[in-house]
Amino acid sequence: MIRMNRRNVLKAGLGIAAYGTGLGAAIVSSRTANAANEIELEAVNAKALLDGQHLTDGVMTYRSLGEPDALMPPTLRAKRGEAFSAKLMNRLNEPTTIHWHGLRIENRMDGVPFLTQPYVYTGDSFDYRFAAPDAGTFWYHPHCNTLTQMGRGMTGMLIVEDPKDPQFDAEIALNLRDWRLGAKGEFIEQFKPRDAARNGTFGTVRGANWQVQPAYEAPSGGILRLRLVASDVTRIYQLRLEGADAEVIAIDGQPVPNRFRLETAVIGPGQRLDLALRMPDVEGSVVSLLDTRPSTAKTVATFQAIGQSLKHRLEELPPLSANPWQEPDLKNAEQIPLILSATAEGGAKESFCGSLGYTFWAINRVPWPGDSADPTAPLAELKLGKSYIFNLENLTPHIHPIHLHGMNFQVVASNMRQVPRLITDTYLAMPDEKVQLSLVADNPGDWVLHCHIIEHQKSGMTSYVRVT
C-alpha cells in the first residue's frame, strides 16, 4: 500500500455526474496487443542519452519491432478480460524473462526463471499470452539478473484499459527511475555492499520517461489522468504537486473506494499511483510534480496548460470501474507469519539468476538467494479458495516494499497508523511496523514474495508461496 498523508486517506469524494470530451492524448510511446495483433519485444543492448548531456553505452532495454528507433521500453496497452499476446526475443548476451508486475495471470506466464518458466536464452524467444482480469496501471520487467537488467533500463509500463472507465481530457504515463552514472555518463557499480545492507544504493541521475525533468502539455482547465510507476530499483518517492489540485483515483492498479485530494504520497519500488489532475485555467500555467524525499525538493516532471480552458471540474469525474475481488473470511482465515529481518548468515548462496555476493536480509529468519532457495520449499503452502492473513512484521530500521506475485491482498490493520482497507499487490512496510494483509488463495502455482528494493531481494529478502 502506498503511504498517504493521514488526513487525506479517509476523505471521500466520488463524483457521479457524466463527464467530458476525452481527447485521450497518448503522450508516450504506446502499443496495443491482442490475440490477432501480437507485440514483438526484443531485449537488446543500446546507447541512450540518460543524463541530458552524455551518450551512455551498455543500456539494456525492450524494443518494439514496430518502433525500431525508440529507446525507452514501450508503454504496452491491453483491455481487461481480452487476450493479450507478446513475444519476447532475447538479443542480450545473457538469459532474461518478463515478469508482469501486479497482474493476476497464469503462473506459467509470471516470468520467474525455473519457478514458473525456463530461461529465455540468447537468441531464443518466449510467447506470453494471457487475459488480464484487472484494469489499471501495471508494469513489466525481467526477473533474471534483476539488479543489472532493471538498473540499466529494462522497466516498461503496461496499461490495462476498461471501456467503462470515464474519459479524460489527456493522459500521461510516467516511468519514474534513477540511473547510476558517472561524471561522463558512464554506468558505475550498481550497488555498494554497505548501502545494500541499509536503504539500498541510490542512483546519481533522477529521471522520468528516460529524461531529466521532462515537460508535457495538457488542455487548460482539463482533467489529466496521470499514471505513475516507481520502477526504480531503490528509490522511495515522496510526491506532491505544485500549481494544481489532484485526486488519487487508483493505487497499485486498484481504484480507491473513495477518492481523496493529494497532498503527499510516498511510493516505493514496484508501486503505482493514478491521479486525476485538474489543469489550471490560464494558458501557459505550469504544474510541477515534485519528489521531496528525503529533504530537498526535486522536480520530476512539469505539465503546461495549453489552449482555451475547458472548465472541467474534478467533482464531475465519475469513479473508475472496480476490479473483481473476493473478500477473505477473516474469522476463519489461517494466520501466516511474515517476519522481515537482517540476517547473521555471512556469504552468499548460489542462485540461478545471479548473486550479489552478499547475504544481508531474511524472511522468517531465512535468507533466500535471488528468487528462491529451493523450488520444493515454499514459505507457506496455501489451499486454493481458502482465506489467509499474513502477519507482516518489519523488525528492521528500513522501509521495505513487499510485493506478492499473482495475487492481491487487502490491508486489514497496522500497529502504527489507521490504514484504509485498500486492495494491492505491494505494501510499503515501515520500520517496526506490524500489519495484517488478508487474501483468498485464488490463483494456483508458485508465487514469489519479495522486497522490491532489488538489493534487498537479491541479498536475502525473497521467498515464495505455493497455492494448490
Protein backbone atom coordinates (compact mmCIF):
# COMPACT_ATOMS: atom_id res chain seq x y z
CA MET A 1 0.00 0.00 0.00
CA ILE A 2 1.17 3.49 -0.81
CA ARG A 3 1.59 5.65 2.27
CA MET A 4 -0.53 8.81 2.17
CA ASN A 5 -0.93 11.87 4.31
CA ARG A 6 -3.23 10.50 7.03
CA ARG A 7 -5.72 13.37 6.87
CA ASN A 8 -6.46 12.63 3.24
CA VAL A 9 -6.65 8.85 3.35
CA LEU A 10 -10.07 8.94 4.98
CA LYS A 11 -11.61 11.65 2.79
CA ALA A 12 -14.37 10.78 0.36
CA GLY A 13 -15.14 12.43 -2.96
CA LEU A 14 -16.56 10.21 -5.69
CA GLY A 15 -18.24 12.13 -8.48
CA ILE A 16 -21.45 10.89 -10.08
CA ALA A 17 -22.01 13.32 -12.96
CA ALA A 18 -21.40 12.43 -16.60
CA TYR A 19 -18.13 13.83 -17.87
CA GLY A 20 -16.01 15.02 -20.64
CA THR A 21 -14.91 15.30 -24.18
CA GLY A 22 -11.97 12.91 -23.88
CA LEU A 23 -9.01 13.94 -26.01
CA GLY A 24 -7.30 10.75 -24.87
CA ALA A 25 -3.85 12.07 -25.68
CA ALA A 26 -1.18 9.37 -25.51
CA ILE A 27 1.93 11.36 -24.59
CA VAL A 28 4.40 8.49 -24.54
CA SER A 29 5.04 5.64 -26.94
CA SER A 30 2.20 3.15 -26.65
CA ARG A 31 1.44 -0.20 -28.28
CA THR A 32 -1.72 -2.30 -28.03
CA ALA A 33 -1.53 -6.08 -28.13
CA ASN A 34 -4.26 -8.68 -28.58
CA ALA A 35 -4.59 -12.20 -29.91
CA ALA A 36 -4.70 -11.01 -33.51
CA ASN A 37 -2.03 -8.33 -33.11
CA GLU A 38 0.95 -9.72 -31.21
CA ILE A 39 3.51 -7.33 -29.79
CA GLU A 40 7.08 -8.36 -30.53
CA LEU A 41 9.61 -7.17 -27.95
CA GLU A 42 13.35 -7.54 -28.36
CA ALA A 43 15.59 -7.45 -25.28
CA VAL A 44 18.60 -5.53 -26.63
CA ASN A 45 21.67 -3.52 -25.73
CA ALA A 46 21.63 0.13 -26.77
CA LYS A 47 23.10 3.60 -26.29
CA ALA A 48 20.97 6.41 -24.90
CA LEU A 49 21.13 9.99 -23.62
CA LEU A 50 20.13 9.49 -19.98
CA ASP A 51 21.62 12.46 -18.14
CA GLY A 52 20.80 15.03 -20.82
CA GLN A 53 24.48 15.52 -21.69
CA HIS A 54 26.30 12.27 -22.46
CA LEU A 55 25.58 9.20 -24.57
CA THR A 56 25.60 6.16 -22.29
CA ASP A 57 26.74 2.78 -23.60
CA GLY A 58 25.61 -0.53 -22.13
CA VAL A 59 21.93 0.37 -21.80
CA MET A 60 19.58 -2.65 -21.69
CA THR A 61 16.02 -2.19 -22.92
CA TYR A 62 12.96 -3.69 -24.56
CA ARG A 63 12.46 -2.54 -28.12
CA SER A 64 9.25 -2.99 -30.07
CA LEU A 65 9.83 -4.26 -33.60
CA GLY A 66 7.23 -1.75 -34.71
CA GLU A 67 9.29 1.13 -33.29
CA PRO A 68 12.94 0.33 -34.06
CA ASP A 69 14.20 3.83 -33.19
CA ALA A 70 12.60 4.02 -29.73
CA LEU A 71 14.89 3.54 -26.73
CA MET A 72 12.65 3.52 -23.66
CA PRO A 73 10.61 0.30 -23.33
CA PRO A 74 7.21 0.92 -24.94
CA THR A 75 4.14 1.53 -22.84
CA LEU A 76 2.01 -1.50 -23.68
CA ARG A 77 -1.79 -1.45 -23.63
CA ALA A 78 -4.28 -4.25 -23.18
CA LYS A 79 -8.01 -4.46 -22.47
CA ARG A 80 -9.39 -6.06 -19.34
CA GLY A 81 -10.52 -9.63 -19.92
CA GLU A 82 -9.30 -9.73 -23.53
CA ALA A 83 -6.48 -11.87 -24.91
CA PHE A 84 -3.03 -10.25 -24.76
CA SER A 85 -0.06 -11.58 -26.70
CA ALA A 86 3.61 -10.54 -26.53
CA LYS A 87 6.62 -12.38 -27.93
CA LEU A 88 9.96 -11.78 -26.19
CA MET A 89 13.07 -12.25 -28.35
CA ASN A 90 16.33 -12.17 -26.41
CA ARG A 91 19.18 -10.33 -28.18
CA LEU A 92 21.17 -9.85 -24.97
CA ASN A 93 24.30 -11.87 -24.24
CA GLU A 94 22.68 -13.33 -21.10
CA PRO A 95 19.36 -15.00 -20.21
CA THR A 96 16.27 -12.94 -19.38
CA THR A 97 12.48 -13.15 -18.88
CA ILE A 98 9.50 -10.82 -18.41
CA HIS A 99 7.51 -10.55 -15.18
CA TRP A 100 4.15 -8.75 -15.50
CA HIS A 101 4.12 -6.88 -12.21
CA GLY A 102 0.74 -6.73 -10.48
CA LEU A 103 -1.15 -8.95 -12.92
CA ARG A 104 -3.13 -11.93 -11.61
CA ILE A 105 -2.38 -14.22 -14.53
CA GLU A 106 -1.48 -17.88 -15.05
CA ASN A 107 1.59 -19.00 -13.11
CA ARG A 108 3.38 -20.18 -16.26
CA MET A 109 3.25 -16.61 -17.60
CA ASP A 110 4.76 -15.00 -14.47
CA GLY A 111 8.33 -14.83 -15.75
CA VAL A 112 10.35 -16.23 -12.81
CA PRO A 113 13.14 -18.49 -14.15
CA PHE A 114 12.77 -22.15 -13.22
CA LEU A 115 9.99 -21.45 -10.77
CA THR A 116 7.42 -20.69 -13.49
CA GLN A 117 9.34 -20.89 -16.78
CA PRO A 118 12.81 -21.68 -18.15
CA TYR A 119 15.35 -19.02 -19.02
CA VAL A 120 14.92 -17.24 -22.32
CA TYR A 121 18.47 -17.75 -23.54
CA THR A 122 20.32 -15.58 -26.03
CA GLY A 123 18.71 -15.97 -29.46
CA ASP A 124 15.61 -17.71 -28.04
CA SER A 125 12.07 -16.42 -27.66
CA PHE A 126 9.08 -16.91 -25.38
CA ASP A 127 5.39 -16.23 -26.05
CA TYR A 128 3.49 -14.55 -23.23
CA ARG A 129 -0.27 -14.97 -23.60
CA PHE A 130 -2.88 -14.08 -21.01
CA ALA A 131 -6.04 -12.10 -20.30
CA ALA A 132 -5.64 -9.54 -17.52
CA PRO A 133 -8.59 -9.70 -15.07
CA ASP A 134 -7.87 -6.24 -13.64
CA ALA A 135 -7.79 -2.84 -15.31
CA GLY A 136 -5.24 -0.29 -14.14
CA THR A 137 -1.61 0.76 -14.24
CA PHE A 138 0.93 -2.06 -14.18
CA TRP A 139 4.45 -2.63 -15.47
CA TYR A 140 6.86 -5.26 -16.77
CA HIS A 141 10.49 -6.09 -16.06
CA PRO A 142 12.93 -9.04 -16.01
CA HIS A 143 13.15 -11.45 -13.12
CA CYS A 144 16.66 -12.53 -14.02
CA ASN A 145 19.89 -10.73 -13.09
CA THR A 146 17.39 -8.11 -11.99
CA LEU A 147 19.68 -5.52 -10.44
CA THR A 148 21.71 -5.14 -13.63
CA GLN A 149 18.96 -5.61 -16.20
CA MET A 150 16.44 -3.35 -14.45
CA GLY A 151 19.12 -0.91 -13.35
CA ARG A 152 20.24 -0.46 -16.94
CA GLY A 153 16.78 0.15 -18.36
CA MET A 154 14.52 -2.90 -18.61
CA THR A 155 11.40 -1.47 -16.97
CA GLY A 156 8.30 -0.68 -19.04
CA MET A 157 4.71 0.30 -18.31
CA LEU A 158 1.62 -1.78 -19.03
CA ILE A 159 -1.81 -0.13 -19.03
CA VAL A 160 -4.88 -2.35 -18.89
CA GLU A 161 -7.90 -0.40 -20.07
CA ASP A 162 -11.54 -0.76 -19.11
CA PRO A 163 -14.03 0.62 -21.68
CA LYS A 164 -16.35 1.53 -18.80
CA ASP A 165 -13.82 3.92 -17.27
CA PRO A 166 -14.53 7.65 -17.63
CA GLN A 167 -12.86 9.63 -20.39
CA PHE A 168 -10.13 12.12 -19.53
CA ASP A 169 -9.03 15.18 -21.46
CA ALA A 170 -5.48 13.83 -21.63
CA GLU A 171 -3.38 11.01 -20.26
CA ILE A 172 0.32 10.95 -19.37
CA ALA A 173 2.18 7.86 -18.19
CA LEU A 174 5.42 8.45 -16.26
CA ASN A 175 8.04 5.78 -15.63
CA LEU A 176 9.99 7.06 -12.59
CA ARG A 177 13.53 5.73 -12.19
CA ASP A 178 17.16 6.57 -11.41
CA TRP A 179 20.37 5.80 -13.25
CA ARG A 180 23.76 5.12 -11.64
CA LEU A 181 26.02 7.17 -13.92
CA GLY A 182 29.46 8.70 -13.58
CA ALA A 183 30.58 12.21 -14.50
CA LYS A 184 30.79 11.34 -18.21
CA GLY A 185 27.50 9.45 -18.36
CA GLU A 186 29.07 6.00 -17.99
CA PHE A 187 27.45 3.28 -15.88
CA ILE A 188 29.08 2.85 -12.48
CA GLU A 189 28.75 -0.03 -10.00
CA GLN A 190 25.08 -0.79 -9.49
CA PHE A 191 25.37 -1.24 -5.73
CA LYS A 192 27.60 -0.71 -2.72
CA PRO A 193 27.56 -3.51 -0.11
CA ARG A 194 27.29 -1.07 2.79
CA ASP A 195 24.27 0.61 1.19
CA ALA A 196 22.68 -2.70 0.17
CA ALA A 197 22.68 -3.63 3.87
CA ARG A 198 20.76 -0.42 4.62
CA ASN A 199 18.31 1.51 2.42
CA GLY A 200 19.91 0.46 -0.86
CA THR A 201 22.23 2.20 -3.32
CA PHE A 202 20.68 5.26 -4.94
CA GLY A 203 21.13 6.43 -8.49
CA THR A 204 23.04 9.56 -9.40
CA VAL A 205 20.62 10.81 -12.10
CA ARG A 206 16.90 11.03 -11.33
CA GLY A 207 14.50 10.94 -14.26
CA ALA A 208 11.09 10.17 -15.71
CA ASN A 209 10.49 8.51 -19.08
CA TRP A 210 14.29 8.41 -19.60
CA GLN A 211 14.54 12.21 -19.38
CA VAL A 212 15.65 14.66 -16.73
CA GLN A 213 12.68 16.85 -15.76
CA PRO A 214 10.58 16.19 -18.89
CA ALA A 215 7.93 18.77 -19.83
CA TYR A 216 4.46 17.89 -21.15
CA GLU A 217 1.36 19.77 -22.29
CA ALA A 218 -2.28 19.21 -21.36
CA PRO A 219 -5.53 21.13 -22.04
CA SER A 220 -6.17 24.19 -19.85
CA GLY A 221 -8.96 23.53 -17.39
CA GLY A 222 -8.99 19.87 -18.38
CA ILE A 223 -8.73 16.69 -16.30
CA LEU A 224 -5.47 14.85 -16.87
CA ARG A 225 -5.06 11.19 -15.93
CA LEU A 226 -1.53 10.92 -14.61
CA ARG A 227 -0.26 7.35 -14.32
CA LEU A 228 2.90 6.92 -12.24
CA VAL A 229 5.08 3.83 -11.87
CA ALA A 230 8.02 3.70 -9.45
CA SER A 231 10.21 1.33 -11.45
CA ASP A 232 13.46 2.26 -9.74
CA VAL A 233 15.47 -0.50 -8.08
CA THR A 234 15.93 1.51 -4.86
CA ARG A 235 14.35 4.95 -4.60
CA ILE A 236 11.28 5.66 -2.46
CA TYR A 237 9.48 8.79 -3.69
CA GLN A 238 7.58 11.37 -1.67
CA LEU A 239 5.45 13.08 -4.30
CA ARG A 240 3.44 16.27 -4.26
CA LEU A 241 2.11 18.74 -6.83
CA GLU A 242 2.61 22.47 -7.14
CA GLY A 243 0.28 24.59 -9.24
CA ALA A 244 -2.80 22.36 -9.40
CA ASP A 245 -5.15 20.15 -7.44
CA ALA A 246 -5.34 16.40 -7.97
CA GLU A 247 -7.24 13.46 -6.53
CA VAL A 248 -5.94 9.94 -6.01
CA ILE A 249 -8.12 7.63 -8.10
CA ALA A 250 -6.16 4.35 -8.03
CA ILE A 251 -3.29 2.77 -6.08
CA ASP A 252 -1.29 -0.16 -7.43
CA GLY A 253 -3.77 -0.63 -10.26
CA GLN A 254 -6.80 -0.80 -7.95
CA PRO A 255 -9.41 2.00 -7.87
CA VAL A 256 -9.68 3.55 -4.40
CA PRO A 257 -13.18 3.23 -2.88
CA ASN A 258 -13.25 6.94 -2.04
CA ARG A 259 -11.18 9.43 -3.98
CA PHE A 260 -9.25 11.97 -1.94
CA ARG A 261 -7.21 15.09 -2.55
CA LEU A 262 -3.47 14.56 -2.94
CA GLU A 263 -1.17 16.33 -0.51
CA THR A 264 1.79 13.96 -0.41
CA ALA A 265 2.17 10.33 -1.44
CA VAL A 266 5.07 8.04 -0.56
CA ILE A 267 5.56 5.27 -3.13
CA GLY A 268 8.27 2.65 -3.20
CA PRO A 269 9.77 0.49 -5.96
CA GLY A 270 7.08 -1.54 -7.69
CA GLN A 271 4.17 0.70 -6.68
CA ARG A 272 1.84 2.72 -8.90
CA LEU A 273 -0.30 5.80 -8.40
CA ASP A 274 -3.09 7.16 -10.63
CA LEU A 275 -4.08 10.80 -10.25
CA ALA A 276 -6.88 12.90 -11.72
CA LEU A 277 -5.13 16.25 -12.11
CA ARG A 278 -7.15 19.38 -12.81
CA MET A 279 -5.05 21.62 -15.09
CA PRO A 280 -5.04 25.40 -14.47
CA ASP A 281 -7.45 27.56 -16.47
CA VAL A 282 -4.82 30.05 -17.64
CA GLU A 283 -2.87 29.00 -20.73
CA GLY A 284 0.87 28.79 -20.08
CA SER A 285 0.47 27.92 -16.39
CA VAL A 286 2.86 25.19 -15.27
CA VAL A 287 2.17 22.35 -12.83
CA SER A 288 5.19 20.67 -11.22
CA LEU A 289 5.42 17.13 -9.88
CA LEU A 290 7.98 17.18 -7.06
CA ASP A 291 9.84 14.49 -5.15
CA THR A 292 10.55 15.85 -1.67
CA ARG A 293 12.26 12.82 -0.14
CA PRO A 294 14.49 12.93 1.76
CA SER A 295 14.61 16.73 2.15
CA THR A 296 15.37 18.81 -0.94
CA ALA A 297 12.53 19.02 -3.49
CA LYS A 298 13.41 17.71 -6.93
CA THR A 299 11.25 18.40 -9.98
CA VAL A 300 10.22 15.09 -11.56
CA ALA A 301 8.20 16.50 -14.48
CA THR A 302 6.17 19.55 -15.47
CA PHE A 303 2.81 19.96 -17.22
CA GLN A 304 1.92 23.16 -19.09
CA ALA A 305 -1.67 24.24 -19.72
CA ILE A 306 -2.45 24.89 -23.40
CA GLY A 307 -5.47 26.29 -25.23
CA GLN A 308 -8.69 27.82 -24.02
CA SER A 309 -9.93 26.49 -20.68
CA LEU A 310 -12.26 23.51 -20.83
CA LYS A 311 -13.53 24.48 -17.37
CA HIS A 312 -13.96 20.88 -16.27
CA ARG A 313 -14.16 20.02 -12.59
CA LEU A 314 -12.85 17.10 -10.58
CA GLU A 315 -16.26 16.76 -8.95
CA GLU A 316 -17.75 15.86 -12.35
CA LEU A 317 -15.45 12.88 -12.87
CA PRO A 318 -17.23 9.52 -12.42
CA PRO A 319 -15.46 6.75 -10.48
CA LEU A 320 -13.29 4.11 -12.08
CA SER A 321 -14.80 0.68 -12.54
CA ALA A 322 -13.98 -1.71 -9.71
CA ASN A 323 -11.85 -4.78 -10.37
CA PRO A 324 -13.10 -8.21 -9.28
CA TRP A 325 -12.23 -9.10 -5.69
CA GLN A 326 -13.17 -11.94 -3.36
CA GLU A 327 -13.47 -10.86 0.27
CA PRO A 328 -11.38 -13.01 2.64
CA ASP A 329 -13.14 -14.76 5.51
CA LEU A 330 -11.23 -13.06 8.31
CA LYS A 331 -12.86 -15.04 11.13
CA ASN A 332 -11.71 -18.36 9.70
CA ALA A 333 -8.52 -17.20 7.99
CA GLU A 334 -5.30 -19.08 8.70
CA GLN A 335 -2.52 -16.92 10.17
CA ILE A 336 0.89 -16.95 8.46
CA PRO A 337 3.93 -15.16 9.94
CA LEU A 338 5.96 -12.94 7.63
CA ILE A 339 8.92 -11.55 9.55
CA LEU A 340 11.37 -9.20 7.84
CA SER A 341 14.80 -9.01 9.43
CA ALA A 342 18.50 -8.72 8.89
CA THR A 343 20.44 -11.97 8.92
CA ALA A 344 23.59 -13.04 10.71
CA GLU A 345 24.44 -15.51 7.97
CA GLY A 346 27.51 -14.41 6.03
CA GLY A 347 28.46 -15.01 2.44
CA ALA A 348 26.10 -15.72 -0.42
CA LYS A 349 24.41 -18.81 -1.77
CA GLU A 350 24.33 -19.54 -5.45
CA SER A 351 21.23 -18.51 -7.34
CA PHE A 352 20.06 -19.44 -10.81
CA CYS A 353 19.59 -15.74 -11.52
CA GLY A 354 22.84 -14.33 -10.23
CA SER A 355 24.06 -13.35 -6.77
CA LEU A 356 25.31 -10.07 -5.33
CA GLY A 357 27.89 -11.99 -3.34
CA TYR A 358 26.36 -10.95 0.00
CA THR A 359 23.55 -12.03 2.30
CA PHE A 360 22.06 -9.24 4.41
CA TRP A 361 18.33 -9.91 4.71
CA ALA A 362 15.86 -12.64 5.62
CA ILE A 363 12.16 -13.57 5.65
CA ASN A 364 11.14 -15.68 8.64
CA ARG A 365 14.83 -15.83 9.62
CA VAL A 366 15.79 -17.48 6.32
CA PRO A 367 17.84 -15.60 3.70
CA TRP A 368 16.85 -16.59 0.18
CA PRO A 369 19.29 -16.08 -2.69
CA GLY A 370 17.88 -14.45 -5.79
CA ASP A 371 14.38 -15.72 -6.40
CA SER A 372 14.09 -18.88 -4.30
CA ALA A 373 16.34 -21.17 -2.31
CA ASP A 374 14.71 -24.44 -3.31
CA PRO A 375 11.64 -24.94 -5.51
CA THR A 376 10.45 -27.68 -3.12
CA ALA A 377 10.50 -25.46 -0.02
CA PRO A 378 7.89 -22.67 -0.13
CA LEU A 379 7.43 -20.21 2.69
CA ALA A 380 3.86 -21.48 3.05
CA GLU A 381 1.52 -23.90 1.27
CA LEU A 382 -1.90 -22.39 0.67
CA LYS A 383 -5.09 -24.21 -0.27
CA LEU A 384 -6.99 -22.91 -3.28
CA GLY A 385 -10.03 -20.92 -2.20
CA LYS A 386 -9.02 -20.65 1.46
CA SER A 387 -8.56 -17.33 3.32
CA TYR A 388 -5.26 -16.31 4.91
CA ILE A 389 -3.82 -13.45 6.92
CA PHE A 390 -0.14 -12.62 6.52
CA ASN A 391 1.13 -11.12 9.77
CA LEU A 392 3.90 -8.98 8.35
CA GLU A 393 6.37 -7.67 10.93
CA ASN A 394 9.24 -5.40 9.94
CA LEU A 395 11.99 -5.78 12.54
CA THR A 396 14.42 -3.59 10.61
CA PRO A 397 15.03 0.19 10.74
CA HIS A 398 14.40 0.42 6.99
CA ILE A 399 11.38 0.63 4.68
CA HIS A 400 10.56 -2.45 2.60
CA PRO A 401 8.07 -2.51 -0.32
CA ILE A 402 6.86 -6.13 -0.13
CA HIS A 403 5.42 -7.45 -3.39
CA LEU A 404 3.42 -10.63 -3.94
CA HIS A 405 3.22 -12.13 -7.43
CA GLY A 406 0.00 -13.45 -8.92
CA MET A 407 -2.47 -12.41 -6.21
CA ASN A 408 -3.74 -9.30 -4.46
CA PHE A 409 -4.17 -8.78 -0.75
CA GLN A 410 -6.21 -6.40 1.38
CA VAL A 411 -4.78 -4.33 4.22
CA VAL A 412 -6.56 -5.13 7.48
CA ALA A 413 -4.76 -3.28 10.28
CA SER A 414 -1.43 -1.73 11.29
CA ASN A 415 0.07 -1.04 14.72
CA MET A 416 1.41 2.33 13.50
CA ARG A 417 -1.48 4.12 11.81
CA GLN A 418 -5.05 3.86 10.70
CA VAL A 419 -4.98 2.19 7.30
CA PRO A 420 -7.71 2.10 4.66
CA ARG A 421 -8.71 -1.39 3.54
CA LEU A 422 -7.13 -1.00 0.14
CA ILE A 423 -6.50 -3.87 -2.25
CA THR A 424 -2.94 -4.05 -3.54
CA ASP A 425 -0.03 -6.28 -4.52
CA THR A 426 2.76 -4.23 -2.87
CA TYR A 427 2.84 -2.99 0.73
CA LEU A 428 5.29 -0.35 1.93
CA ALA A 429 6.26 -1.69 5.36
CA MET A 430 7.58 0.99 7.72
CA PRO A 431 10.34 0.33 10.29
CA ASP A 432 8.96 -1.58 13.32
CA GLU A 433 5.54 -1.86 11.69
CA LYS A 434 3.24 -4.83 12.23
CA VAL A 435 0.50 -5.14 9.63
CA GLN A 436 -2.11 -7.73 8.68
CA LEU A 437 -2.60 -8.50 4.99
CA SER A 438 -5.53 -10.72 4.04
CA LEU A 439 -6.23 -12.67 0.86
CA VAL A 440 -8.06 -15.59 -0.67
CA ALA A 441 -5.63 -18.01 -2.31
CA ASP A 442 -7.34 -17.81 -5.69
CA ASN A 443 -4.52 -18.46 -8.17
CA PRO A 444 -2.76 -21.85 -8.24
CA GLY A 445 1.01 -22.03 -8.62
CA ASP A 446 4.27 -20.92 -7.04
CA TRP A 447 4.21 -17.17 -6.38
CA VAL A 448 7.29 -15.16 -5.42
CA LEU A 449 7.08 -12.77 -2.46
CA HIS A 450 9.94 -10.31 -2.02
CA CYS A 451 11.14 -6.83 -1.18
CA HIS A 452 11.19 -4.70 -4.33
CA ILE A 453 14.31 -2.83 -3.32
CA ILE A 454 16.25 -5.13 -5.58
CA GLU A 455 19.42 -5.20 -3.48
CA HIS A 456 17.29 -6.45 -0.57
CA GLN A 457 15.64 -9.02 -2.82
CA LYS A 458 18.93 -10.31 -4.18
CA SER A 459 20.61 -10.47 -0.77
CA GLY A 460 18.01 -12.50 1.08
CA MET A 461 14.58 -10.84 1.39
CA THR A 462 12.81 -13.20 -1.00
CA SER A 463 10.64 -16.28 -0.75
CA TYR A 464 7.55 -17.76 -2.40
CA VAL A 465 4.23 -19.33 -1.51
CA ARG A 466 2.59 -22.33 -3.16
CA VAL A 467 -1.14 -22.45 -3.92
CA THR A 468 -2.60 -25.89 -4.65
